[in-house]
């Protein structure tokens, strides 16, 4: 077992519910087919929600995201990595700072920025090659915001939401933060505290906000 198949603190693929979700959704004969199926299951069955209490480490844990039925980009990337590992596919998580040109006014006000640091994605080893997949934005949300959903074919990186349905620029990557065998929660929380003091200080009260 490599570190990219082993269960970790936050990518906890040993959790029974994660294993059951993976087994239920990992359809296909090849790793590529199973990875694609898992990508769409996590993307569309788990709702994207950025209004979470980031001081609570559970929002980064795969099993907790699955139980809640919602998560933000890092939590959903963690869940996809856990599901892939449960299906025998090597997986890790990666991060980048991105500028979101179509963030909602309320989210931008609460964050105090349109810069999303530590935007999370999953890195999957398929046919001997690492391929990036971003399962954050569920189809229903994309339809509501007129954003083209990210598709994944298991061969090419799927990380860019470059334009929305009206051809306005949506997201651009500014800084690569690297890849990890597990979610570096302490590191991310420190960065969030500094970058988004208002959002971070809201704690559990942030759940009163709604997105989408």
Protein backbone atom coordinates (compact mmCIF):
# COMPACT_ATOMS: atom_id res chain seq x y z
CA UNK A 1 0.00 0.00 0.00
CA UNK A 2 1.38 3.40 -0.96
CA UNK A 3 0.56 6.62 0.88
CA UNK A 4 -1.81 7.43 -1.97
CA UNK A 5 -3.90 4.34 -1.27
CA UNK A 6 -3.74 4.32 2.53
CA UNK A 7 -6.46 5.81 4.70
CA UNK A 8 -5.42 9.10 6.27
CA UNK A 9 -6.73 11.48 8.91
CA UNK A 10 -8.84 13.53 6.49
CA UNK A 11 -8.82 11.36 3.38
CA UNK A 12 -10.32 8.60 5.49
CA UNK A 13 -11.15 5.93 2.94
CA UNK A 14 -11.34 3.31 5.70
CA UNK A 15 -14.62 4.84 6.85
CA UNK A 16 -17.47 2.36 6.14
CA UNK A 17 -19.77 5.01 4.66
CA UNK A 18 -17.04 6.21 2.30
CA UNK A 19 -16.32 2.64 1.24
CA UNK A 20 -20.02 2.00 0.64
CA UNK A 21 -20.40 5.21 -1.39
CA UNK A 22 -17.34 4.32 -3.46
CA UNK A 23 -18.51 0.78 -4.12
CA UNK A 24 -21.99 1.99 -5.05
CA UNK A 25 -20.75 4.58 -7.52
CA UNK A 26 -17.46 3.20 -8.90
CA UNK A 27 -19.01 1.60 -11.98
CA UNK A 28 -16.88 0.42 -14.87
CA UNK A 29 -14.25 -2.18 -15.65
CA UNK A 30 -11.14 0.00 -15.78
CA UNK A 31 -9.64 2.45 -13.29
CA UNK A 32 -10.38 5.26 -15.72
CA UNK A 33 -14.06 4.34 -15.96
CA UNK A 34 -14.34 3.98 -12.18
CA UNK A 35 -12.57 7.30 -11.61
CA UNK A 36 -14.91 9.08 -14.01
CA UNK A 37 -17.97 7.58 -12.33
CA UNK A 38 -16.72 8.60 -8.89
CA UNK A 39 -15.96 12.12 -10.11
CA UNK A 40 -19.54 12.68 -11.24
CA UNK A 41 -20.96 11.07 -8.09
CA UNK A 42 -19.01 13.41 -5.82
CA UNK A 43 -19.54 16.43 -8.07
CA UNK A 44 -23.31 16.12 -8.31
CA UNK A 45 -24.46 14.20 -5.22
CA UNK A 46 -22.61 16.45 -2.78
CA UNK A 47 -23.74 20.08 -2.83
CA UNK A 48 -21.12 22.82 -3.03
CA UNK A 49 -21.31 25.26 -0.12
CA UNK A 50 -18.56 27.79 0.72
CA UNK A 51 -20.37 29.10 3.81
CA UNK A 52 -18.85 26.64 6.28
CA UNK A 53 -17.13 26.92 9.64
CA UNK A 54 -13.50 26.60 8.54
CA UNK A 55 -12.32 26.56 12.14
CA UNK A 56 -13.95 23.12 12.35
CA UNK A 57 -11.57 20.49 10.94
CA UNK A 58 -14.53 18.25 10.08
CA UNK A 59 -15.34 20.33 6.99
CA UNK A 60 -12.09 18.99 5.50
CA UNK A 61 -12.72 15.31 6.34
CA UNK A 62 -14.05 13.07 3.56
CA UNK A 63 -16.43 11.06 5.74
CA UNK A 64 -17.87 14.21 7.35
CA UNK A 65 -18.48 15.81 3.94
CA UNK A 66 -20.27 12.68 2.79
CA UNK A 67 -22.40 12.60 5.94
CA UNK A 68 -23.30 16.30 5.60
CA UNK A 69 -24.11 15.94 1.90
CA UNK A 70 -22.31 19.21 1.23
CA UNK A 71 -18.84 20.67 1.23
CA UNK A 72 -16.59 23.26 -0.33
CA UNK A 73 -13.85 22.60 -2.84
CA UNK A 74 -11.31 21.12 -0.40
CA UNK A 75 -13.78 18.87 1.37
CA UNK A 76 -15.17 17.55 -1.91
CA UNK A 77 -11.64 16.97 -3.27
CA UNK A 78 -10.87 15.05 -0.09
CA UNK A 79 -13.99 12.92 -0.57
CA UNK A 80 -13.17 12.11 -4.19
CA UNK A 81 -9.64 11.13 -3.19
CA UNK A 82 -11.00 8.89 -0.44
CA UNK A 83 -13.50 7.24 -2.78
CA UNK A 84 -10.80 6.65 -5.37
CA UNK A 85 -8.49 5.06 -2.81
CA UNK A 86 -11.35 2.86 -1.63
CA UNK A 87 -11.69 1.71 -5.24
CA UNK A 88 -7.96 0.94 -5.46
CA UNK A 89 -7.02 4.07 -7.43
CA UNK A 90 -4.08 6.10 -6.15
CA UNK A 91 -5.19 9.60 -5.25
CA UNK A 92 -3.95 12.76 -3.54
CA UNK A 93 -5.14 16.35 -3.15
CA UNK A 94 -3.73 19.50 -4.71
CA UNK A 95 -4.26 23.21 -4.18
CA UNK A 96 -4.00 26.48 -6.06
CA UNK A 97 -4.93 30.12 -5.54
CA UNK A 98 -7.59 31.21 -8.03
CA UNK A 99 -9.35 34.44 -8.86
CA UNK A 100 -13.09 33.99 -9.17
CA UNK A 101 -14.62 36.64 -11.40
CA UNK A 102 -18.19 35.48 -10.85
CA UNK A 103 -18.40 35.08 -7.09
CA UNK A 104 -21.69 36.20 -5.54
CA UNK A 105 -21.80 39.68 -3.98
CA UNK A 106 -22.62 38.18 -0.58
CA UNK A 107 -19.73 35.72 -0.67
CA UNK A 108 -17.31 38.43 -1.85
CA UNK A 109 -18.50 40.72 0.94
CA UNK A 110 -18.13 38.03 3.59
CA UNK A 111 -14.70 36.95 2.33
CA UNK A 112 -13.53 40.48 1.63
CA UNK A 113 -11.96 39.24 -1.59
CA UNK A 114 -12.53 37.46 -4.89
CA UNK A 115 -9.27 35.55 -4.42
CA UNK A 116 -9.80 31.95 -3.35
CA UNK A 117 -6.64 30.60 -1.75
CA UNK A 118 -6.10 26.83 -1.42
CA UNK A 119 -8.75 26.01 -4.01
CA UNK A 120 -8.78 22.22 -3.85
CA UNK A 121 -8.72 19.54 -6.52
CA UNK A 122 -8.08 15.79 -6.63
CA UNK A 123 -5.08 14.25 -8.37
CA UNK A 124 -5.79 10.71 -9.60
CA UNK A 125 -3.25 8.22 -10.93
CA UNK A 126 -4.85 6.66 -13.99
CA UNK A 127 -2.98 4.45 -16.47
CA UNK A 128 0.33 5.49 -14.97
CA UNK A 129 -0.37 9.23 -15.21
CA UNK A 130 -1.51 11.78 -12.62
CA UNK A 131 -4.68 13.54 -13.79
CA UNK A 132 -6.33 16.46 -11.99
CA UNK A 133 -10.07 16.58 -11.35
CA UNK A 134 -12.11 19.30 -9.63
CA UNK A 135 -15.45 17.98 -8.33
CA UNK A 136 -16.42 21.17 -6.47
CA UNK A 137 -19.30 22.69 -8.41
CA UNK A 138 -22.33 20.43 -8.73
CA UNK A 139 -24.39 20.48 -11.91
CA UNK A 140 -27.46 22.08 -10.34
CA UNK A 141 -25.35 24.95 -9.03
CA UNK A 142 -23.63 25.45 -12.38
CA UNK A 143 -27.00 25.56 -14.14
CA UNK A 144 -28.31 28.15 -11.67
CA UNK A 145 -25.25 30.38 -12.08
CA UNK A 146 -24.95 29.79 -15.84
CA UNK A 147 -21.45 28.36 -15.41
CA UNK A 148 -20.26 25.62 -17.73
CA UNK A 149 -19.81 22.48 -15.57
CA UNK A 150 -16.41 20.85 -15.50
CA UNK A 151 -16.37 17.51 -17.27
CA UNK A 152 -13.79 14.78 -16.67
CA UNK A 153 -12.61 12.11 -19.12
CA UNK A 154 -9.90 10.51 -16.99
CA UNK A 155 -7.21 11.49 -19.49
CA UNK A 156 -6.90 15.29 -19.33
CA UNK A 157 -6.74 17.66 -16.37
CA UNK A 158 -10.14 19.08 -15.45
CA UNK A 159 -9.47 22.19 -13.37
CA UNK A 160 -10.55 25.25 -15.33
CA UNK A 161 -13.87 27.06 -15.35
CA UNK A 162 -12.49 29.61 -17.82
CA UNK A 163 -15.78 31.10 -19.03
CA UNK A 164 -19.44 30.99 -18.07
CA UNK A 165 -22.36 30.35 -20.42
CA UNK A 166 -22.29 34.00 -21.49
CA UNK A 167 -18.54 33.80 -22.28
CA UNK A 168 -17.54 35.96 -19.33
CA UNK A 169 -14.29 34.98 -17.66
CA UNK A 170 -15.06 32.88 -14.59
CA UNK A 171 -11.89 31.60 -12.93
CA UNK A 172 -8.15 31.89 -13.43
CA UNK A 173 -5.33 30.09 -11.63
CA UNK A 174 -2.69 32.35 -10.09
CA UNK A 175 -0.52 30.20 -7.82
CA UNK A 176 0.16 26.49 -7.44
CA UNK A 177 0.22 25.30 -3.82
CA UNK A 178 1.38 21.74 -4.52
CA UNK A 179 -0.01 18.24 -3.91
CA UNK A 180 -0.36 16.31 -0.64
CA UNK A 181 -1.07 12.77 0.54
CA UNK A 182 -3.56 14.23 3.04
CA UNK A 183 -5.27 17.58 3.49
CA UNK A 184 -2.89 20.01 5.29
CA UNK A 185 -5.67 21.35 7.50
CA UNK A 186 -3.52 23.33 9.96
CA UNK A 187 -1.76 25.06 7.08
CA UNK A 188 -5.02 25.91 5.31
CA UNK A 189 -6.70 27.15 8.49
CA UNK A 190 -3.78 29.50 9.23
CA UNK A 191 -3.97 30.89 5.69
CA UNK A 192 -7.77 31.31 5.88
CA UNK A 193 -7.52 33.14 9.21
CA UNK A 194 -5.14 35.64 7.65
CA UNK A 195 -6.86 36.01 4.27
CA UNK A 196 -10.52 35.94 5.39
CA UNK A 197 -10.66 37.22 9.00
CA UNK A 198 -14.35 38.10 8.86
CA UNK A 199 -15.46 34.80 7.34
CA UNK A 200 -13.23 32.76 9.62
CA UNK A 201 -14.31 34.59 12.78
CA UNK A 202 -17.99 33.90 12.07
CA UNK A 203 -17.46 30.29 13.11
CA UNK A 204 -20.67 28.28 13.21
CA UNK A 205 -22.75 31.41 12.51
CA UNK A 206 -21.61 31.29 8.89
CA UNK A 207 -24.12 28.45 8.40
CA UNK A 208 -26.86 31.09 8.50
CA UNK A 209 -25.67 32.30 5.09
CA UNK A 210 -26.93 30.64 1.93
CA UNK A 211 -25.17 30.11 -1.37
CA UNK A 212 -26.88 29.56 -4.70
